[in-house]
Amino acid sequence: MTPDGCAEVELQRVTIHGHERVYVQMGSGPVLLLLHGLGCDHTTWLPVLRDLARDFTVIAPDLLGHGQSAKPRADYSVGGYANGMRDLLTVLGIDKVTVVGHSFGGGVAMQFAYQFPERTERMILVAPGGMGPEVSPLIRAVTLPGFHQAMGLATLPGVRQVNRLGLKTLAKAPLGATRDLGEVADIVESFKDPRARAAIRHVVKAVVDTRGQIVTMVDRAYLTQAMPMLVVWGTDDLVIPSRHAEHVARIAPGAVVELLRDSGHFPHKDHPERFGKIVRDFVASTRPATYHRGRWRTLLRNGPGQPANRAEAGEAPLAPVAVLPRRRATASAG
C-alpha cells in the first residue's frame, strides 16, 4: 500500500532515446494521458486511477527526471516533455488521447496539445501552470542559488525523517493553509536523490523566475476554439492561486471551469470521486477534437479575438464557472 492508503499498481518500463521511462497502463476504452506535477510521479493519480480505468485506458507516466524514470542531463523544457509524451504514446501504439495535466503537468498538457493537435482529443487541466504569473514562493526558491545544497542538507538521513514527520503532521491539521503539506513532504523526500534535485532545478528554471511564471498559454489560448477544454481547480490552492481560473473565460472561450470548494492544489486527491465524475461527464458531453489543417491555419492567421463573439461563429455561449460543494470520498459522487 502507498502512504495514502491506495493500492499500488503494476509499473511498466520502456527505453526511449536510451533513457528508461516508467509508466502505468490499465483499463480499456478511450485513452486518458495523466501527467503529474513538479516533483511528483504517477502515484499522485492513485486515488483516481482505478476508478477512471473502469471507463478509460489510463496512461500515467513518471516524467523524465521524476519518480522511477531516468534522470539524465537532458531537455527538461515543457516542449521537451511534450515530445517525450508523443514518443511514449507512439511506442505504445496509441494515436490519440485526452491529455490530463496537473500543475506543471498542466503546462506540459497544454504544450502537447499545441504541438500535436492531431493527437489530442481534449485537454483537462488540474490547477495548471501557465494561466498567470503568480506561484508559490517555495517553487520560486528552487531557482535561487544554494537550493541544491540546502535540499541536500534537508534530506540527510535523520533530518529527512524529522522533516517528513513534521510536514505530514501539519497536513492533518484542520487548516486550509496546511492541507497540501503531505504532498510537499513526498516531494521533499524525492529530493534525497541529487539527480532528481538537478532535474527539478532545470525544470523550474525553464518556467519560473523570481517574478513568477514565465511560460504561459495566454497568447495561444485562442487555439482551444478547436478543442474541448476543462479546467478543475481547488478554491484553497496556495501553490497556484485559483483566481487564475478567472482568466480562462477571457483567454479560452468555450472552456468549462469547475472550482471545488474545500480543496487545495490536489483536487483529484481531496475529492477523488467527484473528480472522476467531472472527468466522465466532460468526456461524455464533448466530441473529440478532429484536427483539420485548414481550420488550424485559419485560427493562426486570424489570431486571438476572432471571431468577435461566439454567437457570430454560430457556437453556444460560454458556460459559467461552476463552484462545486465538497463531496466526501465515501459519499456518492453522483
Foldseek 3Di string as FASTA:
>chain_A
DDPVPFDDADWDWDADPNWIKIKDWAAADAEEEEEEAFLAFQVLLRLQVVVLSPHHTYITIGFALHDPTHLDPDDQELLVSLVVVVVVCVVVVQQAHAYEAAACGLVSQVNNCVVCVQRYFAYEYELYPFLDFDFAVVLQCLQDPPNLVVLCVCQDPPNLVVQQVVLVVQCPDPDLVSVCSNVVSSSSNRSPDSSSSVSSSSNSVNAAHNRGGDHHCQQVQQLCVQHAYEYEYECSEPGRHPCSVVSCCVRHFQYAYEYEYPDYSSNCSQAVQLVSVVVVVSVVVDGTGHDDPVVSVVCVVVGPCPPVAVVVVVHDGGDDYHYDYDDDNVDHSD
